[in-house]
PDB file of N, CA and C in Angstrom:
ATOM      1  N   MET A   1     121.684  75.148  91.718  1.00  0.00           N
ATOM      2  CA  MET A   1     121.096  76.146  90.863  1.00  0.00           C
ATOM      3  C   MET A   1     121.425  77.526  91.437  1.00  0.00           C
ATOM      4  N   GLY A   2     121.250  78.531  90.677  1.00  0.00           N
ATOM      5  CA  GLY A   2     121.570  79.882  91.125  1.00  0.00           C
ATOM      6  C   GLY A   2     120.412  80.544  91.839  1.00  0.00           C
ATOM      7  N   ASN A   3     120.731  81.638  92.471  1.00  0.00           N
ATOM      8  CA  ASN A   3     119.679  82.443  93.088  1.00  0.00           C
ATOM      9  C   ASN A   3     119.038  83.299  92.009  1.00  0.00           C
ATOM     10  N   TYR A   4     117.735  83.277  91.981  1.00  0.00           N
ATOM     11  CA  TYR A   4     117.018  84.055  90.990  1.00  0.00           C
ATOM     12  C   TYR A   4     116.348  85.232  91.663  1.00  0.00           C
ATOM     13  N   ASN A   5     116.498  86.393  91.074  1.00  0.00           N
ATOM     14  CA  ASN A   5     115.847  87.592  91.573  1.00  0.00           C
ATOM     15  C   ASN A   5     114.583  87.786  90.738  1.00  0.00           C
ATOM     16  N   ILE A   6     113.511  87.153  91.190  1.00  0.00           N
ATOM     17  CA  ILE A   6     112.258  87.219  90.447  1.00  0.00           C
ATOM     18  C   ILE A   6     111.437  88.369  91.013  1.00  0.00           C
ATOM     19  N   ASP A   7     111.225  89.382  90.181  1.00  0.00           N
ATOM     20  CA  ASP A   7     110.406  90.516  90.588  1.00  0.00           C
ATOM     21  C   ASP A   7     108.949  90.165  90.368  1.00  0.00           C
ATOM     22  N   LYS A   8     108.109  90.510  91.337  1.00  0.00           N
ATOM     23  CA  LYS A   8     106.683  90.285  91.200  1.00  0.00           C
ATOM     24  C   LYS A   8     106.100  91.351  90.280  1.00  0.00           C
ATOM     25  N   VAL A   9     105.152  90.941  89.486  1.00  0.00           N
ATOM     26  CA  VAL A   9     104.467  91.874  88.599  1.00  0.00           C
ATOM     27  C   VAL A   9     103.513  92.705  89.449  1.00  0.00           C
ATOM     28  N   PRO A  10     103.560  94.023  89.340  1.00  0.00           N
ATOM     29  CA  PRO A  10     102.636  94.862  90.110  1.00  0.00           C
ATOM     30  C   PRO A  10     101.185  94.560  89.737  1.00  0.00           C
ATOM     31  N   ILE A  11     100.297  94.696  90.702  1.00  0.00           N
ATOM     32  CA  ILE A  11      98.882  94.387  90.489  1.00  0.00           C
ATOM     33  C   ILE A  11      98.315  95.164  89.307  1.00  0.00           C
ATOM     34  N   TRP A  12      98.653  96.436  89.178  1.00  0.00           N
ATOM     35  CA  TRP A  12      98.072  97.269  88.118  1.00  0.00           C
ATOM     36  C   TRP A  12      98.566  96.906  86.723  1.00  0.00           C
ATOM     37  N   GLU A  13      99.544  95.995  86.626  1.00  0.00           N
ATOM     38  CA  GLU A  13     100.025  95.533  85.326  1.00  0.00           C
ATOM     39  C   GLU A  13      99.559  94.120  84.994  1.00  0.00           C
ATOM     40  N   LYS A  14      98.933  93.440  85.936  1.00  0.00           N
ATOM     41  CA  LYS A  14      98.465  92.074  85.700  1.00  0.00           C
ATOM     42  C   LYS A  14      97.198  92.087  84.861  1.00  0.00           C
ATOM     43  N   ALA A  15      97.068  91.090  84.004  1.00  0.00           N
ATOM     44  CA  ALA A  15      95.851  90.955  83.207  1.00  0.00           C
ATOM     45  C   ALA A  15      94.719  90.390  84.056  1.00  0.00           C
ATOM     46  N   ASN A  16      95.032  89.449  84.924  1.00  0.00           N
ATOM     47  CA  ASN A  16      94.039  88.803  85.773  1.00  0.00           C
ATOM     48  C   ASN A  16      94.492  88.853  87.221  1.00  0.00           C
ATOM     49  N   LEU A  17      93.524  89.014  88.120  1.00  0.00           N
ATOM     50  CA  LEU A  17      93.817  89.113  89.544  1.00  0.00           C
ATOM     51  C   LEU A  17      93.134  87.985  90.295  1.00  0.00           C
ATOM     52  N   THR A  18      93.761  87.549  91.380  1.00  0.00           N
ATOM     53  CA  THR A  18      93.065  86.658  92.285  1.00  0.00           C
ATOM     54  C   THR A  18      92.018  87.491  93.024  1.00  0.00           C
ATOM     55  N   ILE A  19      91.126  86.816  93.719  1.00  0.00           N
ATOM     56  CA  ILE A  19      90.100  87.554  94.463  1.00  0.00           C
ATOM     57  C   ILE A  19      90.761  88.429  95.520  1.00  0.00           C
ATOM     58  N   LYS A  20      91.776  87.903  96.192  1.00  0.00           N
ATOM     59  CA  LYS A  20      92.471  88.691  97.221  1.00  0.00           C
ATOM     60  C   LYS A  20      93.154  89.916  96.617  1.00  0.00           C
ATOM     61  N   GLU A  21      93.742  89.759  95.436  1.00  0.00           N
ATOM     62  CA  GLU A  21      94.368  90.904  94.771  1.00  0.00           C
ATOM     63  C   GLU A  21      93.314  91.927  94.355  1.00  0.00           C
ATOM     64  N   ALA A  22      92.155  91.455  93.899  1.00  0.00           N
ATOM     65  CA  ALA A  22      91.071  92.366  93.514  1.00  0.00           C
ATOM     66  C   ALA A  22      90.567  93.151  94.725  1.00  0.00           C
ATOM     67  N   VAL A  23      90.534  92.495  95.881  1.00  0.00           N
ATOM     68  CA  VAL A  23      90.140  93.173  97.119  1.00  0.00           C
ATOM     69  C   VAL A  23      91.141  94.275  97.437  1.00  0.00           C
ATOM     70  N   GLU A  24      92.404  93.942  97.373  1.00  0.00           N
ATOM     71  CA  GLU A  24      93.461  94.916  97.665  1.00  0.00           C
ATOM     72  C   GLU A  24      93.450  96.064  96.647  1.00  0.00           C
ATOM     73  N   TYR A  25      93.243  95.728  95.393  1.00  0.00           N
ATOM     74  CA  TYR A  25      93.268  96.706  94.305  1.00  0.00           C
ATOM     75  C   TYR A  25      92.100  97.685  94.377  1.00  0.00           C
ATOM     76  N   SER A  26      90.911  97.166  94.728  1.00  0.00           N
ATOM     77  CA  SER A  26      89.709  97.983  94.657  1.00  0.00           C
ATOM     78  C   SER A  26      89.214  98.515  95.991  1.00  0.00           C
ATOM     79  N   ASN A  27      89.707  97.957  97.074  1.00  0.00           N
ATOM     80  CA  ASN A  27      89.250  98.315  98.420  1.00  0.00           C
ATOM     81  C   ASN A  27      87.771  97.959  98.620  1.00  0.00           C
ATOM     82  N   ILE A  28      87.330  96.910  97.928  1.00  0.00           N
ATOM     83  CA  ILE A  28      85.992  96.349  98.098  1.00  0.00           C
ATOM     84  C   ILE A  28      86.171  95.042  98.858  1.00  0.00           C
ATOM     85  N   GLY A  29      85.249  94.722  99.729  1.00  0.00           N
ATOM     86  CA  GLY A  29      85.358  93.529 100.559  1.00  0.00           C
ATOM     87  C   GLY A  29      85.311  92.234  99.770  1.00  0.00           C
ATOM     88  N   ILE A  30      85.916  91.209 100.327  1.00  0.00           N
ATOM     89  CA  ILE A  30      86.004  89.909  99.665  1.00  0.00           C
ATOM     90  C   ILE A  30      84.622  89.299  99.444  1.00  0.00           C
ATOM     91  N   ASN A  31      83.728  89.442 100.415  1.00  0.00           N
ATOM     92  CA  ASN A  31      82.384  88.871 100.263  1.00  0.00           C
ATOM     93  C   ASN A  31      81.630  89.531  99.116  1.00  0.00           C
ATOM     94  N   ARG A  32      81.768  90.838  98.991  1.00  0.00           N
ATOM     95  CA  ARG A  32      81.065  91.558  97.924  1.00  0.00           C
ATOM     96  C   ARG A  32      81.627  91.185  96.557  1.00  0.00           C
ATOM     97  N   ILE A  33      82.938  91.067  96.439  1.00  0.00           N
ATOM     98  CA  ILE A  33      83.535  90.677  95.159  1.00  0.00           C
ATOM     99  C   ILE A  33      83.105  89.261  94.795  1.00  0.00           C
ATOM    100  N   GLU A  34      83.080  88.358  95.764  1.00  0.00           N
ATOM    101  CA  GLU A  34      82.629  86.991  95.486  1.00  0.00           C
ATOM    102  C   GLU A  34      81.172  86.975  95.028  1.00  0.00           C
ATOM    103  N   GLU A  35      80.320  87.826  95.614  1.00  0.00           N
ATOM    104  CA  GLU A  35      78.923  87.945  95.177  1.00  0.00           C
ATOM    105  C   GLU A  35      78.849  88.429  93.732  1.00  0.00           C
ATOM    106  N   LEU A  36      79.653  89.433  93.397  1.00  0.00           N
ATOM    107  CA  LEU A  36      79.657  89.960  92.033  1.00  0.00           C
ATOM    108  C   LEU A  36      80.094  88.899  91.035  1.00  0.00           C
ATOM    109  N   LEU A  37      81.093  88.098  91.397  1.00  0.00           N
ATOM    110  CA  LEU A  37      81.601  87.069  90.501  1.00  0.00           C
ATOM    111  C   LEU A  37      80.584  85.958  90.268  1.00  0.00           C
ATOM    112  N   LYS A  38      79.645  85.753  91.195  1.00  0.00           N
ATOM    113  CA  LYS A  38      78.619  84.713  91.055  1.00  0.00           C
ATOM    114  C   LYS A  38      77.467  85.144  90.153  1.00  0.00           C
ATOM    115  N   MET A  39      77.362  86.436  89.881  1.00  0.00           N
ATOM    116  CA  MET A  39      76.262  86.937  89.052  1.00  0.00           C
ATOM    117  C   MET A  39      76.403  86.420  87.617  1.00  0.00           C
ATOM    118  N   PRO A  40      75.305  85.934  87.021  1.00  0.00           N
ATOM    119  CA  PRO A  40      75.380  85.405  85.648  1.00  0.00           C
ATOM    120  C   PRO A  40      75.846  86.438  84.624  1.00  0.00           C
ATOM    121  N   SER A  41      75.585  87.701  84.880  1.00  0.00           N
ATOM    122  CA  SER A  41      75.960  88.751  83.929  1.00  0.00           C
ATOM    123  C   SER A  41      77.351  89.324  84.183  1.00  0.00           C
ATOM    124  N   CYS A  42      78.108  88.724  85.073  1.00  0.00           N
ATOM    125  CA  CYS A  42      79.436  89.240  85.414  1.00  0.00           C
ATOM    126  C   CYS A  42      80.378  89.110  84.219  1.00  0.00           C
ATOM    127  N   SER A  43      80.873  90.239  83.753  1.00  0.00           N
ATOM    128  CA  SER A  43      81.737  90.257  82.564  1.00  0.00           C
ATOM    129  C   SER A  43      83.216  90.149  82.906  1.00  0.00           C
ATOM    130  N   PHE A  44      83.561  90.206  84.192  1.00  0.00           N
ATOM    131  CA  PHE A  44      84.981  90.226  84.546  1.00  0.00           C
ATOM    132  C   PHE A  44      85.452  88.978  85.278  1.00  0.00           C
ATOM    133  N   VAL A  45      84.670  87.905  85.245  1.00  0.00           N
ATOM    134  CA  VAL A  45      85.096  86.660  85.871  1.00  0.00           C
ATOM    135  C   VAL A  45      85.742  85.766  84.819  1.00  0.00           C
ATOM    136  N   LEU A  46      86.812  85.101  85.207  1.00  0.00           N
ATOM    137  CA  LEU A  46      87.506  84.136  84.353  1.00  0.00           C
ATOM    138  C   LEU A  46      87.663  82.861  85.162  1.00  0.00           C
ATOM    139  N   TYR A  47      87.113  81.763  84.658  1.00  0.00           N
ATOM    140  CA  TYR A  47      87.222  80.485  85.342  1.00  0.00           C
ATOM    141  C   TYR A  47      88.444  79.736  84.835  1.00  0.00           C
ATOM    142  N   VAL A  48      89.285  79.310  85.773  1.00  0.00           N
ATOM    143  CA  VAL A  48      90.431  78.458  85.465  1.00  0.00           C
ATOM    144  C   VAL A  48      90.201  77.198  86.284  1.00  0.00           C
ATOM    145  N   GLY A  49      89.548  76.221  85.668  1.00  0.00           N
ATOM    146  CA  GLY A  49      89.084  75.069  86.430  1.00  0.00           C
ATOM    147  C   GLY A  49      88.000  75.553  87.380  1.00  0.00           C
ATOM    148  N   LYS A  50      88.170  75.280  88.667  1.00  0.00           N
ATOM    149  CA  LYS A  50      87.219  75.750  89.675  1.00  0.00           C
ATOM    150  C   LYS A  50      87.623  77.101  90.249  1.00  0.00           C
ATOM    151  N   LYS A  51      88.818  77.543  89.930  1.00  0.00           N
ATOM    152  CA  LYS A  51      89.329  78.815  90.449  1.00  0.00           C
ATOM    153  C   LYS A  51      88.745  79.985  89.659  1.00  0.00           C
ATOM    154  N   LYS A  52      88.398  81.039  90.372  1.00  0.00           N
ATOM    155  CA  LYS A  52      87.880  82.255  89.734  1.00  0.00           C
ATOM    156  C   LYS A  52      88.957  83.329  89.782  1.00  0.00           C
ATOM    157  N   LEU A  53      89.181  83.964  88.642  1.00  0.00           N
ATOM    158  CA  LEU A  53      90.071  85.113  88.560  1.00  0.00           C
ATOM    159  C   LEU A  53      89.259  86.313  88.099  1.00  0.00           C
ATOM    160  N   VAL A  54      89.794  87.484  88.353  1.00  0.00           N
ATOM    161  CA  VAL A  54      89.135  88.734  87.976  1.00  0.00           C
ATOM    162  C   VAL A  54      89.913  89.354  86.821  1.00  0.00           C
ATOM    163  N   LYS A  55      89.227  89.574  85.703  1.00  0.00           N
ATOM    164  CA  LYS A  55      89.851  90.261  84.563  1.00  0.00           C
ATOM    165  C   LYS A  55      89.967  91.733  84.941  1.00  0.00           C
ATOM    166  N   ARG A  56      91.201  92.176  85.134  1.00  0.00           N
ATOM    167  CA  ARG A  56      91.435  93.501  85.694  1.00  0.00           C
ATOM    168  C   ARG A  56      90.823  94.620  84.854  1.00  0.00           C
ATOM    169  N   ARG A  57      91.036  94.620  83.553  1.00  0.00           N
ATOM    170  CA  ARG A  57      90.542  95.726  82.717  1.00  0.00           C
ATOM    171  C   ARG A  57      89.012  95.797  82.723  1.00  0.00           C
ATOM    172  N   GLU A  58      88.369  94.624  82.598  1.00  0.00           N
ATOM    173  CA  GLU A  58      86.909  94.595  82.626  1.00  0.00           C
ATOM    174  C   GLU A  58      86.388  95.010  84.001  1.00  0.00           C
ATOM    175  N   PHE A  59      87.105  94.622  85.060  1.00  0.00           N
ATOM    176  CA  PHE A  59      86.735  95.008  86.421  1.00  0.00           C
ATOM    177  C   PHE A  59      86.826  96.523  86.576  1.00  0.00           C
ATOM    178  N   GLU A  60      87.884  97.125  86.039  1.00  0.00           N
ATOM    179  CA  GLU A  60      88.028  98.578  86.093  1.00  0.00           C
ATOM    180  C   GLU A  60      86.888  99.263  85.344  1.00  0.00           C
ATOM    181  N   LEU A  61      86.523  98.748  84.177  1.00  0.00           N
ATOM    182  CA  LEU A  61      85.402  99.317  83.414  1.00  0.00           C
ATOM    183  C   LEU A  61      84.104  99.216  84.210  1.00  0.00           C
ATOM    184  N   PHE A  62      83.872  98.057  84.807  1.00  0.00           N
ATOM    185  CA  PHE A  62      82.682  97.870  85.628  1.00  0.00           C
ATOM    186  C   PHE A  62      82.638  98.901  86.744  1.00  0.00           C
ATOM    187  N   LEU A  63      83.758  99.099  87.436  1.00  0.00           N
ATOM    188  CA  LEU A  63      83.800 100.045  88.538  1.00  0.00           C
ATOM    189  C   LEU A  63      83.598 101.486  88.062  1.00  0.00           C
ATOM    190  N   SER A  64      84.148 101.809  86.904  1.00  0.00           N
ATOM    191  CA  SER A  64      84.015 103.186  86.419  1.00  0.00           C
ATOM    192  C   SER A  64      82.588 103.505  85.980  1.00  0.00           C
ATOM    193  N   ARG A  65      81.815 102.478  85.622  1.00  0.00           N
ATOM    194  CA  ARG A  65      80.436 102.685  85.166  1.00  0.00           C
ATOM    195  C   ARG A  65      79.408 102.499  86.275  1.00  0.00           C
ATOM    196  N   THR A  66      79.843 102.019  87.438  1.00  0.00           N
ATOM    197  CA  THR A  66      78.921 101.698  88.526  1.00  0.00           C
ATOM    198  C   THR A  66      78.949 102.774  89.580  1.00  0.00           C
ATOM    199  N   LEU A  67      77.766 103.190  89.999  1.00  0.00           N
ATOM    200  CA  LEU A  67      77.667 104.217  91.035  1.00  0.00           C
ATOM    201  C   LEU A  67      77.537 103.619  92.428  1.00  0.00           C
ATOM    202  N   GLU A  68      76.973 102.414  92.498  1.00  0.00           N
ATOM    203  CA  GLU A  68      76.727 101.793  93.802  1.00  0.00           C
ATOM    204  C   GLU A  68      76.904 100.290  93.679  1.00  0.00           C
ATOM    205  N   ILE A  69      77.569  99.714  94.674  1.00  0.00           N
ATOM    206  CA  ILE A  69      77.775  98.264  94.676  1.00  0.00           C
ATOM    207  C   ILE A  69      77.087  97.686  95.900  1.00  0.00           C
TER     208      ILE A  69
END
């Protein structure tokens, strides 16, 4: 097979982020993001089986409306 030059999609263009990507993107700690994702009212969590992803746009809205985490 040939060599493929697969470019990674930049974090700011992804629809959904892993928890580690959300940490890198927001500069919020992994423990705090995991706590937020466990909240019943969390609007930016997406479950893929047992895996949790962060809906980037909803996460950005949450951050823009929140004064303290």
